[in-house]
Amino acid sequence: MGGSANLKKIFLEDVKLDIENPYNLEPSKVIGGGVYLQQLKDALVALRNRKMLDFVKQNADSPVALIEVGNAIKFLSLSNLNLGLDFGTPTELYGALSTRLKQSKEGLGIKETIDNQGKK
């Protein structure tokens, strides 16, 4: 309610931004740091190109990969689309995550979602 259509996802990390107008942050650019922000951009490109599995494999220990796997699994459960082998199945996407992320609270939740989808 009352939000802007120009929302920008941001991770709290050591980052330098080029802000031309402090009252309008939408066009701001990352000029230093911003590893997770760059990974988020890479994830969007991977999603568009249906190469999500490759993205997760390349960033297996990143919280961005964990978030994107969770989002992809929610999306796949709502769709009847065949996204192709390059996108990856929910099990393949989850399997590409690092052991640390799989054992996290969020990772265990994703695993439970996958297991419950398989029972339907």
PDB file of N, CA and C in Angstrom:
ATOM      1  N   MET A   1       0.841  -1.178   0.000  1.00  0.00           N
ATOM      2  CA  MET A   1       0.000   0.000   0.000  1.00  0.00           C
ATOM      3  C   MET A   1       0.889   1.244   0.000  1.00  0.00           C
ATOM      4  N   GLY A   2       0.643   2.112  -0.933  1.00  0.00           N
ATOM      5  CA  GLY A   2       1.378   3.371  -0.992  1.00  0.00           C
ATOM      6  C   GLY A   2       2.802   3.232  -1.490  1.00  0.00           C
ATOM      7  N   GLY A   3       3.175   2.042  -1.984  1.00  0.00           N
ATOM      8  CA  GLY A   3       4.534   1.824  -2.459  1.00  0.00           C
ATOM      9  C   GLY A   3       4.734   2.357  -3.860  1.00  0.00           C
ATOM     10  N   SER A   4       5.944   2.301  -4.311  1.00  0.00           N
ATOM     11  CA  SER A   4       6.294   2.775  -5.637  1.00  0.00           C
ATOM     12  C   SER A   4       6.386   1.600  -6.607  1.00  0.00           C
ATOM     13  N   ALA A   5       6.070   1.852  -7.848  1.00  0.00           N
ATOM     14  CA  ALA A   5       6.220   0.831  -8.878  1.00  0.00           C
ATOM     15  C   ALA A   5       7.686   0.635  -9.228  1.00  0.00           C
ATOM     16  N   ASN A   6       8.560   1.518  -8.760  1.00  0.00           N
ATOM     17  CA  ASN A   6       9.986   1.452  -9.068  1.00  0.00           C
ATOM     18  C   ASN A   6      10.785   0.900  -7.901  1.00  0.00           C
ATOM     19  N   LEU A   7      10.289  -0.150  -7.289  1.00  0.00           N
ATOM     20  CA  LEU A   7      11.004  -0.748  -6.164  1.00  0.00           C
ATOM     21  C   LEU A   7      12.281  -1.398  -6.655  1.00  0.00           C
ATOM     22  N   LYS A   8      13.302  -1.361  -5.817  1.00  0.00           N
ATOM     23  CA  LYS A   8      14.579  -1.952  -6.150  1.00  0.00           C
ATOM     24  C   LYS A   8      14.968  -2.877  -5.012  1.00  0.00           C
ATOM     25  N   LYS A   9      15.299  -4.128  -5.338  1.00  0.00           N
ATOM     26  CA  LYS A   9      15.755  -5.067  -4.325  1.00  0.00           C
ATOM     27  C   LYS A   9      17.173  -4.687  -3.957  1.00  0.00           C
ATOM     28  N   ILE A  10      17.467  -4.686  -2.667  1.00  0.00           N
ATOM     29  CA  ILE A  10      18.797  -4.280  -2.235  1.00  0.00           C
ATOM     30  C   ILE A  10      19.262  -5.199  -1.116  1.00  0.00           C
ATOM     31  N   PHE A  11      20.503  -5.580  -1.118  1.00  0.00           N
ATOM     32  CA  PHE A  11      21.104  -6.383  -0.067  1.00  0.00           C
ATOM     33  C   PHE A  11      21.977  -5.463   0.763  1.00  0.00           C
ATOM     34  N   LEU A  12      21.976  -5.657   2.049  1.00  0.00           N
ATOM     35  CA  LEU A  12      22.833  -4.860   2.908  1.00  0.00           C
ATOM     36  C   LEU A  12      24.242  -5.422   2.829  1.00  0.00           C
ATOM     37  N   GLU A  13      25.078  -4.732   2.103  1.00  0.00           N
ATOM     38  CA  GLU A  13      26.459  -5.139   1.931  1.00  0.00           C
ATOM     39  C   GLU A  13      27.287  -3.889   1.688  1.00  0.00           C
ATOM     40  N   ASP A  14      28.582  -4.044   1.721  1.00  0.00           N
ATOM     41  CA  ASP A  14      29.465  -2.913   1.504  1.00  0.00           C
ATOM     42  C   ASP A  14      29.426  -2.549   0.027  1.00  0.00           C
ATOM     43  N   VAL A  15      28.780  -1.437  -0.271  1.00  0.00           N
ATOM     44  CA  VAL A  15      28.578  -1.048  -1.658  1.00  0.00           C
ATOM     45  C   VAL A  15      28.685   0.475  -1.776  1.00  0.00           C
ATOM     46  N   LYS A  16      29.203   0.915  -2.903  1.00  0.00           N
ATOM     47  CA  LYS A  16      29.248   2.343  -3.206  1.00  0.00           C
ATOM     48  C   LYS A  16      28.272   2.599  -4.342  1.00  0.00           C
ATOM     49  N   LEU A  17      27.408   3.583  -4.146  1.00  0.00           N
ATOM     50  CA  LEU A  17      26.404   3.923  -5.144  1.00  0.00           C
ATOM     51  C   LEU A  17      26.670   5.305  -5.725  1.00  0.00           C
ATOM     52  N   ASP A  18      26.389   5.459  -6.997  1.00  0.00           N
ATOM     53  CA  ASP A  18      26.413   6.761  -7.649  1.00  0.00           C
ATOM     54  C   ASP A  18      24.968   7.250  -7.661  1.00  0.00           C
ATOM     55  N   ILE A  19      24.669   8.219  -6.790  1.00  0.00           N
ATOM     56  CA  ILE A  19      23.305   8.726  -6.639  1.00  0.00           C
ATOM     57  C   ILE A  19      23.275  10.160  -7.146  1.00  0.00           C
ATOM     58  N   GLU A  20      22.570  10.359  -8.244  1.00  0.00           N
ATOM     59  CA  GLU A  20      22.478  11.696  -8.817  1.00  0.00           C
ATOM     60  C   GLU A  20      21.469  12.560  -8.068  1.00  0.00           C
ATOM     61  N   ASN A  21      20.385  11.954  -7.627  1.00  0.00           N
ATOM     62  CA  ASN A  21      19.321  12.691  -6.960  1.00  0.00           C
ATOM     63  C   ASN A  21      18.918  11.914  -5.704  1.00  0.00           C
ATOM     64  N   PRO A  22      19.169  12.456  -4.516  1.00  0.00           N
ATOM     65  CA  PRO A  22      18.848  11.715  -3.288  1.00  0.00           C
ATOM     66  C   PRO A  22      17.346  11.477  -3.097  1.00  0.00           C
ATOM     67  N   TYR A  23      16.521  12.136  -3.875  1.00  0.00           N
ATOM     68  CA  TYR A  23      15.075  11.961  -3.775  1.00  0.00           C
ATOM     69  C   TYR A  23      14.546  10.934  -4.786  1.00  0.00           C
ATOM     70  N   ASN A  24      15.440  10.454  -5.651  1.00  0.00           N
ATOM     71  CA  ASN A  24      15.056   9.451  -6.638  1.00  0.00           C
ATOM     72  C   ASN A  24      16.207   8.448  -6.776  1.00  0.00           C
ATOM     73  N   LEU A  25      16.128   7.348  -6.026  1.00  0.00           N
ATOM     74  CA  LEU A  25      17.204   6.360  -6.023  1.00  0.00           C
ATOM     75  C   LEU A  25      17.088   5.331  -7.148  1.00  0.00           C
ATOM     76  N   GLU A  26      15.977   5.323  -7.858  1.00  0.00           N
ATOM     77  CA  GLU A  26      15.741   4.316  -8.890  1.00  0.00           C
ATOM     78  C   GLU A  26      16.865   4.259  -9.928  1.00  0.00           C
ATOM     79  N   PRO A  27      17.371   5.392 -10.449  1.00  0.00           N
ATOM     80  CA  PRO A  27      18.427   5.288 -11.463  1.00  0.00           C
ATOM     81  C   PRO A  27      19.843   5.146 -10.889  1.00  0.00           C
ATOM     82  N   SER A  28      19.972   4.985  -9.572  1.00  0.00           N
ATOM     83  CA  SER A  28      21.309   4.887  -8.977  1.00  0.00           C
ATOM     84  C   SER A  28      22.056   3.674  -9.528  1.00  0.00           C
ATOM     85  N   LYS A  29      23.380   3.781  -9.558  1.00  0.00           N
ATOM     86  CA  LYS A  29      24.222   2.723 -10.103  1.00  0.00           C
ATOM     87  C   LYS A  29      25.244   2.284  -9.056  1.00  0.00           C
ATOM     88  N   VAL A  30      25.527   0.990  -9.028  1.00  0.00           N
ATOM     89  CA  VAL A  30      26.555   0.450  -8.148  1.00  0.00           C
ATOM     90  C   VAL A  30      27.903   0.730  -8.800  1.00  0.00           C
ATOM     91  N   ILE A  31      28.799   1.404  -8.077  1.00  0.00           N
ATOM     92  CA  ILE A  31      30.119   1.708  -8.627  1.00  0.00           C
ATOM     93  C   ILE A  31      31.237   0.993  -7.882  1.00  0.00           C
ATOM     94  N   GLY A  32      30.897   0.293  -6.799  1.00  0.00           N
ATOM     95  CA  GLY A  32      31.899  -0.455  -6.051  1.00  0.00           C
ATOM     96  C   GLY A  32      31.242  -1.442  -5.109  1.00  0.00           C
ATOM     97  N   GLY A  33      31.854  -2.607  -4.956  1.00  0.00           N
ATOM     98  CA  GLY A  33      31.265  -3.632  -4.092  1.00  0.00           C
ATOM     99  C   GLY A  33      30.029  -4.211  -4.751  1.00  0.00           C
ATOM    100  N   GLY A  34      29.056  -4.565  -3.951  1.00  0.00           N
ATOM    101  CA  GLY A  34      27.785  -5.014  -4.496  1.00  0.00           C
ATOM    102  C   GLY A  34      27.813  -6.391  -5.122  1.00  0.00           C
ATOM    103  N   VAL A  35      28.493  -7.335  -4.491  1.00  0.00           N
ATOM    104  CA  VAL A  35      28.575  -8.693  -5.028  1.00  0.00           C
ATOM    105  C   VAL A  35      27.182  -9.298  -5.173  1.00  0.00           C
ATOM    106  N   TYR A  36      26.373  -9.191  -4.133  1.00  0.00           N
ATOM    107  CA  TYR A  36      25.040  -9.797  -4.175  1.00  0.00           C
ATOM    108  C   TYR A  36      24.129  -9.077  -5.159  1.00  0.00           C
ATOM    109  N   LEU A  37      24.290  -7.775  -5.279  1.00  0.00           N
ATOM    110  CA  LEU A  37      23.491  -7.033  -6.257  1.00  0.00           C
ATOM    111  C   LEU A  37      23.828  -7.488  -7.674  1.00  0.00           C
ATOM    112  N   GLN A  38      25.115  -7.715  -7.945  1.00  0.00           N
ATOM    113  CA  GLN A  38      25.513  -8.203  -9.263  1.00  0.00           C
ATOM    114  C   GLN A  38      24.972  -9.609  -9.492  1.00  0.00           C
ATOM    115  N   GLN A  39      25.021 -10.448  -8.461  1.00  0.00           N
ATOM    116  CA  GLN A  39      24.476 -11.794  -8.597  1.00  0.00           C
ATOM    117  C   GLN A  39      22.970 -11.750  -8.861  1.00  0.00           C
ATOM    118  N   LEU A  40      22.288 -10.802  -8.258  1.00  0.00           N
ATOM    119  CA  LEU A  40      20.855 -10.651  -8.496  1.00  0.00           C
ATOM    120  C   LEU A  40      20.593 -10.305  -9.967  1.00  0.00           C
ATOM    121  N   LYS A  41      21.405  -9.413 -10.520  1.00  0.00           N
ATOM    122  CA  LYS A  41      21.281  -9.079 -11.943  1.00  0.00           C
ATOM    123  C   LYS A  41      21.575 -10.302 -12.807  1.00  0.00           C
ATOM    124  N   ASP A  42      22.610 -11.064 -12.429  1.00  0.00           N
ATOM    125  CA  ASP A  42      22.964 -12.272 -13.174  1.00  0.00           C
ATOM    126  C   ASP A  42      21.830 -13.297 -13.110  1.00  0.00           C
ATOM    127  N   ALA A  43      21.163 -13.378 -11.956  1.00  0.00           N
ATOM    128  CA  ALA A  43      20.046 -14.314 -11.798  1.00  0.00           C
ATOM    129  C   ALA A  43      18.892 -13.932 -12.720  1.00  0.00           C
ATOM    130  N   LEU A  44      18.637 -12.646 -12.866  1.00  0.00           N
ATOM    131  CA  LEU A  44      17.569 -12.202 -13.767  1.00  0.00           C
ATOM    132  C   LEU A  44      17.892 -12.555 -15.216  1.00  0.00           C
ATOM    133  N   VAL A  45      19.149 -12.407 -15.596  1.00  0.00           N
ATOM    134  CA  VAL A  45      19.573 -12.779 -16.950  1.00  0.00           C
ATOM    135  C   VAL A  45      19.427 -14.290 -17.129  1.00  0.00           C
ATOM    136  N   ALA A  46      19.846 -15.061 -16.127  1.00  0.00           N
ATOM    137  CA  ALA A  46      19.727 -16.524 -16.200  1.00  0.00           C
ATOM    138  C   ALA A  46      18.266 -16.948 -16.309  1.00  0.00           C
ATOM    139  N   LEU A  47      17.399 -16.269 -15.588  1.00  0.00           N
ATOM    140  CA  LEU A  47      15.974 -16.580 -15.653  1.00  0.00           C
ATOM    141  C   LEU A  47      15.429 -16.307 -17.048  1.00  0.00           C
ATOM    142  N   ARG A  48      15.779 -15.160 -17.603  1.00  0.00           N
ATOM    143  CA  ARG A  48      15.333 -14.819 -18.961  1.00  0.00           C
ATOM    144  C   ARG A  48      15.845 -15.819 -19.990  1.00  0.00           C
ATOM    145  N   ASN A  49      17.078 -16.273 -19.802  1.00  0.00           N
ATOM    146  CA  ASN A  49      17.701 -17.191 -20.760  1.00  0.00           C
ATOM    147  C   ASN A  49      17.445 -18.659 -20.425  1.00  0.00           C
ATOM    148  N   ARG A  50      16.654 -18.895 -19.388  1.00  0.00           N
ATOM    149  CA  ARG A  50      16.330 -20.254 -18.929  1.00  0.00           C
ATOM    150  C   ARG A  50      17.578 -21.051 -18.600  1.00  0.00           C
ATOM    151  N   LYS A  51      18.525 -20.401 -17.936  1.00  0.00           N
ATOM    152  CA  LYS A  51      19.793 -21.017 -17.535  1.00  0.00           C
ATOM    153  C   LYS A  51      19.948 -20.951 -16.011  1.00  0.00           C
ATOM    154  N   MET A  52      18.847 -21.118 -15.290  1.00  0.00           N
ATOM    155  CA  MET A  52      18.879 -20.978 -13.843  1.00  0.00           C
ATOM    156  C   MET A  52      19.794 -22.019 -13.192  1.00  0.00           C
ATOM    157  N   LEU A  53      19.803 -23.236 -13.683  1.00  0.00           N
ATOM    158  CA  LEU A  53      20.648 -24.270 -13.102  1.00  0.00           C
ATOM    159  C   LEU A  53      22.124 -23.878 -13.186  1.00  0.00           C
ATOM    160  N   ASP A  54      22.537 -23.319 -14.313  1.00  0.00           N
ATOM    161  CA  ASP A  54      23.918 -22.855 -14.461  1.00  0.00           C
ATOM    162  C   ASP A  54      24.225 -21.760 -13.449  1.00  0.00           C
ATOM    163  N   PHE A  55      23.294 -20.829 -13.258  1.00  0.00           N
ATOM    164  CA  PHE A  55      23.499 -19.754 -12.286  1.00  0.00           C
ATOM    165  C   PHE A  55      23.675 -20.318 -10.878  1.00  0.00           C
ATOM    166  N   VAL A  56      22.825 -21.256 -10.498  1.00  0.00           N
ATOM    167  CA  VAL A  56      22.898 -21.831  -9.142  1.00  0.00           C
ATOM    168  C   VAL A  56      24.218 -22.584  -8.963  1.00  0.00           C
ATOM    169  N   LYS A  57      24.650 -23.316  -9.974  1.00  0.00           N
ATOM    170  CA  LYS A  57      25.922 -24.040  -9.880  1.00  0.00           C
ATOM    171  C   LYS A  57      27.095 -23.079  -9.707  1.00  0.00           C
ATOM    172  N   GLN A  58      27.055 -21.953 -10.411  1.00  0.00           N
ATOM    173  CA  GLN A  58      28.140 -20.976 -10.333  1.00  0.00           C
ATOM    174  C   GLN A  58      28.149 -20.219  -9.015  1.00  0.00           C
ATOM    175  N   ASN A  59      26.993 -20.132  -8.353  1.00  0.00           N
ATOM    176  CA  ASN A  59      26.863 -19.362  -7.117  1.00  0.00           C
ATOM    177  C   ASN A  59      26.279 -20.232  -6.004  1.00  0.00           C
ATOM    178  N   ALA A  60      26.750 -21.457  -5.902  1.00  0.00           N
ATOM    179  CA  ALA A  60      26.152 -22.472  -5.030  1.00  0.00           C
ATOM    180  C   ALA A  60      26.093 -22.073  -3.562  1.00  0.00           C
ATOM    181  N   ASP A  61      27.001 -21.230  -3.105  1.00  0.00           N
ATOM    182  CA  ASP A  61      27.032 -20.866  -1.686  1.00  0.00           C
ATOM    183  C   ASP A  61      26.536 -19.442  -1.438  1.00  0.00           C
ATOM    184  N   SER A  62      25.818 -18.889  -2.393  1.00  0.00           N
ATOM    185  CA  SER A  62      25.339 -17.513  -2.280  1.00  0.00           C
ATOM    186  C   SER A  62      23.889 -17.477  -1.795  1.00  0.00           C
ATOM    187  N   PRO A  63      23.577 -16.555  -0.891  1.00  0.00           N
ATOM    188  CA  PRO A  63      22.183 -16.408  -0.482  1.00  0.00           C
ATOM    189  C   PRO A  63      21.279 -16.008  -1.652  1.00  0.00           C
ATOM    190  N   VAL A  64      21.829 -15.371  -2.667  1.00  0.00           N
ATOM    191  CA  VAL A  64      21.039 -15.011  -3.849  1.00  0.00           C
ATOM    192  C   VAL A  64      20.576 -16.286  -4.560  1.00  0.00           C
ATOM    193  N   ALA A  65      21.457 -17.273  -4.672  1.00  0.00           N
ATOM    194  CA  ALA A  65      21.084 -18.541  -5.303  1.00  0.00           C
ATOM    195  C   ALA A  65      19.980 -19.225  -4.502  1.00  0.00           C
ATOM    196  N   LEU A  66      20.091 -19.193  -3.186  1.00  0.00           N
ATOM    197  CA  LEU A  66      19.068 -19.801  -2.332  1.00  0.00           C
ATOM    198  C   LEU A  66      17.716 -19.121  -2.537  1.00  0.00           C
ATOM    199  N   ILE A  67      17.705 -17.806  -2.570  1.00  0.00           N
ATOM    200  CA  ILE A  67      16.472 -17.048  -2.783  1.00  0.00           C
ATOM    201  C   ILE A  67      15.881 -17.381  -4.155  1.00  0.00           C
ATOM    202  N   GLU A  68      16.726 -17.419  -5.177  1.00  0.00           N
ATOM    203  CA  GLU A  68      16.248 -17.675  -6.532  1.00  0.00           C
ATOM    204  C   GLU A  68      15.740 -19.106  -6.694  1.00  0.00           C
ATOM    205  N   VAL A  69      16.367 -20.069  -6.019  1.00  0.00           N
ATOM    206  CA  VAL A  69      15.864 -21.445  -6.069  1.00  0.00           C
ATOM    207  C   VAL A  69      14.478 -21.504  -5.422  1.00  0.00           C
ATOM    208  N   GLY A  70      14.326 -20.845  -4.276  1.00  0.00           N
ATOM    209  CA  GLY A  70      13.018 -20.792  -3.621  1.00  0.00           C
ATOM    210  C   GLY A  70      11.961 -20.157  -4.502  1.00  0.00           C
ATOM    211  N   ASN A  71      12.315 -19.051  -5.152  1.00  0.00           N
ATOM    212  CA  ASN A  71      11.377 -18.381  -6.062  1.00  0.00           C
ATOM    213  C   ASN A  71      11.040 -19.248  -7.261  1.00  0.00           C
ATOM    214  N   ALA A  72      12.043 -19.892  -7.825  1.00  0.00           N
ATOM    215  CA  ALA A  72      11.823 -20.739  -9.003  1.00  0.00           C
ATOM    216  C   ALA A  72      10.913 -21.909  -8.658  1.00  0.00           C
ATOM    217  N   ILE A  73      11.105 -22.484  -7.494  1.00  0.00           N
ATOM    218  CA  ILE A  73      10.281 -23.632  -7.097  1.00  0.00           C
ATOM    219  C   ILE A  73       8.835 -23.198  -6.877  1.00  0.00           C
ATOM    220  N   LYS A  74       8.638 -22.026  -6.304  1.00  0.00           N
ATOM    221  CA  LYS A  74       7.268 -21.508  -6.153  1.00  0.00           C
ATOM    222  C   LYS A  74       6.645 -21.288  -7.526  1.00  0.00           C
ATOM    223  N   PHE A  75       7.418 -20.712  -8.449  1.00  0.00           N
ATOM    224  CA  PHE A  75       6.923 -20.440  -9.801  1.00  0.00           C
ATOM    225  C   PHE A  75       6.599 -21.736 -10.521  1.00  0.00           C
ATOM    226  N   LEU A  76       7.499 -22.711 -10.440  1.00  0.00           N
ATOM    227  CA  LEU A  76       7.295 -23.980 -11.144  1.00  0.00           C
ATOM    228  C   LEU A  76       6.069 -24.706 -10.623  1.00  0.00           C
ATOM    229  N   SER A  77       5.771 -24.554  -9.328  1.00  0.00           N
ATOM    230  CA  SER A  77       4.599 -25.238  -8.778  1.00  0.00           C
ATOM    231  C   SER A  77       3.298 -24.604  -9.281  1.00  0.00           C
ATOM    232  N   LEU A  78       3.359 -23.342  -9.699  1.00  0.00           N
ATOM    233  CA  LEU A  78       2.169 -22.642 -10.190  1.00  0.00           C
ATOM    234  C   LEU A  78       1.978 -22.789 -11.690  1.00  0.00           C
ATOM    235  N   SER A  79       3.003 -23.257 -12.362  1.00  0.00           N
ATOM    236  CA  SER A  79       2.926 -23.278 -13.821  1.00  0.00           C
ATOM    237  C   SER A  79       2.934 -24.704 -14.349  1.00  0.00           C
ATOM    238  N   ASN A  80       2.334 -24.860 -15.484  1.00  0.00           N
ATOM    239  CA  ASN A  80       2.370 -26.131 -16.183  1.00  0.00           C
ATOM    240  C   ASN A  80       3.327 -26.049 -17.369  1.00  0.00           C
ATOM    241  N   LEU A  81       4.156 -25.017 -17.375  1.00  0.00           N
ATOM    242  CA  LEU A  81       5.073 -24.819 -18.487  1.00  0.00           C
ATOM    243  C   LEU A  81       6.231 -25.804 -18.413  1.00  0.00           C
ATOM    244  N   ASN A  82       6.677 -26.231 -19.568  1.00  0.00           N
ATOM    245  CA  ASN A  82       7.894 -27.017 -19.641  1.00  0.00           C
ATOM    246  C   ASN A  82       9.007 -26.022 -19.953  1.00  0.00           C
ATOM    247  N   LEU A  83       9.810 -25.674 -18.964  1.00  0.00           N
ATOM    248  CA  LEU A  83      10.828 -24.645 -19.145  1.00  0.00           C
ATOM    249  C   LEU A  83      12.098 -25.185 -19.780  1.00  0.00           C
ATOM    250  N   GLY A  84      12.181 -26.474 -19.984  1.00  0.00           N
ATOM    251  CA  GLY A  84      13.339 -27.047 -20.658  1.00  0.00           C
ATOM    252  C   GLY A  84      14.401 -27.526 -19.700  1.00  0.00           C
ATOM    253  N   LEU A  85      15.284 -28.358 -20.208  1.00  0.00           N
ATOM    254  CA  LEU A  85      16.324 -28.967 -19.386  1.00  0.00           C
ATOM    255  C   LEU A  85      17.327 -27.949 -18.869  1.00  0.00           C
ATOM    256  N   ASP A  86      17.573 -26.869 -19.618  1.00  0.00           N
ATOM    257  CA  ASP A  86      18.548 -25.876 -19.191  1.00  0.00           C
ATOM    258  C   ASP A  86      18.110 -25.136 -17.934  1.00  0.00           C
ATOM    259  N   PHE A  87      16.797 -25.034 -17.722  1.00  0.00           N
ATOM    260  CA  PHE A  87      16.302 -24.330 -16.540  1.00  0.00           C
ATOM    261  C   PHE A  87      16.575 -25.148 -15.288  1.00  0.00           C
ATOM    262  N   GLY A  88      16.351 -26.439 -15.341  1.00  0.00           N
ATOM    263  CA  GLY A  88      16.571 -27.320 -14.201  1.00  0.00           C
ATOM    264  C   GLY A  88      15.273 -27.647 -13.495  1.00  0.00           C
ATOM    265  N   THR A  89      15.192 -28.856 -12.985  1.00  0.00           N
ATOM    266  CA  THR A  89      14.029 -29.262 -12.201  1.00  0.00           C
ATOM    267  C   THR A  89      14.220 -28.757 -10.778  1.00  0.00           C
ATOM    268  N   PRO A  90      13.149 -28.717  -9.970  1.00  0.00           N
ATOM    269  CA  PRO A  90      13.320 -28.301  -8.576  1.00  0.00           C
ATOM    270  C   PRO A  90      14.386 -29.114  -7.844  1.00  0.00           C
ATOM    271  N   THR A  91      14.420 -30.419  -8.070  1.00  0.00           N
ATOM    272  CA  THR A  91      15.405 -31.272  -7.399  1.00  0.00           C
ATOM    273  C   THR A  91      16.821 -30.928  -7.852  1.00  0.00           C
ATOM    274  N   GLU A  92      17.001 -30.665  -9.145  1.00  0.00           N
ATOM    275  CA  GLU A  92      18.332 -30.300  -9.650  1.00  0.00           C
ATOM    276  C   GLU A  92      18.776 -28.944  -9.096  1.00  0.00           C
ATOM    277  N   LEU A  93      17.856 -27.985  -9.062  1.00  0.00           N
ATOM    278  CA  LEU A  93      18.196 -26.661  -8.540  1.00  0.00           C
ATOM    279  C   LEU A  93      18.601 -26.749  -7.077  1.00  0.00           C
ATOM    280  N   TYR A  94      17.825 -27.479  -6.292  1.00  0.00           N
ATOM    281  CA  TYR A  94      18.147 -27.639  -4.871  1.00  0.00           C
ATOM    282  C   TYR A  94      19.467 -28.390  -4.706  1.00  0.00           C
ATOM    283  N   GLY A  95      19.672 -29.420  -5.503  1.00  0.00           N
ATOM    284  CA  GLY A  95      20.888 -30.217  -5.416  1.00  0.00           C
ATOM    285  C   GLY A  95      22.144 -29.433  -5.740  1.00  0.00           C
ATOM    286  N   ALA A  96      22.022 -28.368  -6.528  1.00  0.00           N
ATOM    287  CA  ALA A  96      23.182 -27.558  -6.913  1.00  0.00           C
ATOM    288  C   ALA A  96      23.620 -26.597  -5.807  1.00  0.00           C
ATOM    289  N   LEU A  97      22.792 -26.410  -4.781  1.00  0.00           N
ATOM    290  CA  LEU A  97      23.159 -25.525  -3.670  1.00  0.00           C
ATOM    291  C   LEU A  97      24.247 -26.156  -2.811  1.00  0.00           C
ATOM    292  N   SER A  98      25.000 -25.331  -2.112  1.00  0.00           N
ATOM    293  CA  SER A  98      26.034 -25.837  -1.210  1.00  0.00           C
ATOM    294  C   SER A  98      25.386 -26.547  -0.020  1.00  0.00           C
ATOM    295  N   THR A  99      26.147 -27.397   0.620  1.00  0.00           N
ATOM    296  CA  THR A  99      25.662 -28.117   1.805  1.00  0.00           C
ATOM    297  C   THR A  99      25.237 -27.135   2.893  1.00  0.00           C
ATOM    298  N   ARG A 100      26.000 -26.057   3.051  1.00  0.00           N
ATOM    299  CA  ARG A 100      25.673 -25.051   4.074  1.00  0.00           C
ATOM    300  C   ARG A 100      24.289 -24.462   3.840  1.00  0.00           C
ATOM    301  N   LEU A 101      23.983 -24.122   2.598  1.00  0.00           N
ATOM    302  CA  LEU A 101      22.678 -23.535   2.299  1.00  0.00           C
ATOM    303  C   LEU A 101      21.562 -24.567   2.393  1.00  0.00           C
ATOM    304  N   LYS A 102      21.838 -25.806   2.005  1.00  0.00           N
ATOM    305  CA  LYS A 102      20.827 -26.853   2.114  1.00  0.00           C
ATOM    306  C   LYS A 102      20.438 -27.099   3.568  1.00  0.00           C
ATOM    307  N   GLN A 103      21.401 -26.924   4.487  1.00  0.00           N
ATOM    308  CA  GLN A 103      21.149 -27.188   5.897  1.00  0.00           C
ATOM    309  C   GLN A 103      20.608 -25.975   6.651  1.00  0.00           C
ATOM    310  N   SER A 104      20.495 -24.836   5.957  1.00  0.00           N
ATOM    311  CA  SER A 104      19.935 -23.643   6.590  1.00  0.00           C
ATOM    312  C   SER A 104      18.429 -23.801   6.748  1.00  0.00           C
ATOM    313  N   LYS A 105      17.835 -22.953   7.565  1.00  0.00           N
ATOM    314  CA  LYS A 105      16.385 -22.989   7.777  1.00  0.00           C
ATOM    315  C   LYS A 105      15.641 -22.834   6.451  1.00  0.00           C
ATOM    316  N   GLU A 106      16.080 -21.893   5.633  1.00  0.00           N
ATOM    317  CA  GLU A 106      15.443 -21.650   4.338  1.00  0.00           C
ATOM    318  C   GLU A 106      15.644 -22.834   3.395  1.00  0.00           C
ATOM    319  N   GLY A 107      16.847 -23.395   3.396  1.00  0.00           N
ATOM    320  CA  GLY A 107      17.141 -24.542   2.547  1.00  0.00           C
ATOM    321  C   GLY A 107      16.296 -25.753   2.912  1.00  0.00           C
ATOM    322  N   LEU A 108      16.139 -25.990   4.208  1.00  0.00           N
ATOM    323  CA  LEU A 108      15.304 -27.106   4.651  1.00  0.00           C
ATOM    324  C   LEU A 108      13.840 -26.874   4.271  1.00  0.00           C
ATOM    325  N   GLY A 109      13.415 -25.620   4.304  1.00  0.00           N
ATOM    326  CA  GLY A 109      12.045 -25.285   3.885  1.00  0.00           C
ATOM    327  C   GLY A 109      11.827 -25.561   2.409  1.00  0.00           C
ATOM    328  N   ILE A 110      12.826 -25.238   1.589  1.00  0.00           N
ATOM    329  CA  ILE A 110      12.743 -25.507   0.153  1.00  0.00           C
ATOM    330  C   ILE A 110      12.682 -27.012  -0.086  1.00  0.00           C
ATOM    331  N   LYS A 111      13.505 -27.760   0.633  1.00  0.00           N
ATOM    332  CA  LYS A 111      13.508 -29.226   0.498  1.00  0.00           C
ATOM    333  C   LYS A 111      12.136 -29.796   0.852  1.00  0.00           C
ATOM    334  N   GLU A 112      11.539 -29.274   1.908  1.00  0.00           N
ATOM    335  CA  GLU A 112      10.207 -29.731   2.323  1.00  0.00           C
ATOM    336  C   GLU A 112       9.169 -29.424   1.239  1.00  0.00           C
ATOM    337  N   THR A 113       9.259 -28.241   0.640  1.00  0.00           N
ATOM    338  CA  THR A 113       8.347 -27.871  -0.440  1.00  0.00           C
ATOM    339  C   THR A 113       8.480 -28.825  -1.620  1.00  0.00           C
ATOM    340  N   ILE A 114       9.724 -29.144  -1.986  1.00  0.00           N
ATOM    341  CA  ILE A 114       9.959 -30.076  -3.089  1.00  0.00           C
ATOM    342  C   ILE A 114       9.383 -31.441  -2.765  1.00  0.00           C
ATOM    343  N   ASP A 115       9.628 -31.921  -1.548  1.00  0.00           N
ATOM    344  CA  ASP A 115       9.128 -33.232  -1.144  1.00  0.00           C
ATOM    345  C   ASP A 115       7.598 -33.269  -1.157  1.00  0.00           C
ATOM    346  N   ASN A 116       6.975 -32.177  -0.700  1.00  0.00           N
ATOM    347  CA  ASN A 116       5.501 -32.116  -0.680  1.00  0.00           C
ATOM    348  C   ASN A 116       4.922 -32.050  -2.091  1.00  0.00           C
ATOM    349  N   GLN A 117       5.616 -31.400  -3.012  1.00  0.00           N
ATOM    350  CA  GLN A 117       5.154 -31.341  -4.405  1.00  0.00           C
ATOM    351  C   GLN A 117       5.209 -32.715  -5.036  1.00  0.00           C
ATOM    352  N   GLY A 118       6.202 -33.512  -4.649  1.00  0.00           N
ATOM    353  CA  GLY A 118       6.337 -34.841  -5.202  1.00  0.00           C
ATOM    354  C   GLY A 118       5.237 -35.790  -4.736  1.00  0.00           C
ATOM    355  N   LYS A 119       4.597 -35.471  -3.616  1.00  0.00           N
ATOM    356  CA  LYS A 119       3.542 -36.320  -3.071  1.00  0.00           C
ATOM    357  C   LYS A 119       2.188 -36.055  -3.719  1.00  0.00           C
ATOM    358  N   LYS A 120       2.070 -34.930  -4.444  1.00  0.00           N
ATOM    359  CA  LYS A 120       0.782 -34.559  -5.047  1.00  0.00           C
ATOM    360  C   LYS A 120       0.474 -35.393  -6.253  1.00  0.00           C
TER     361      LYS A 120
END
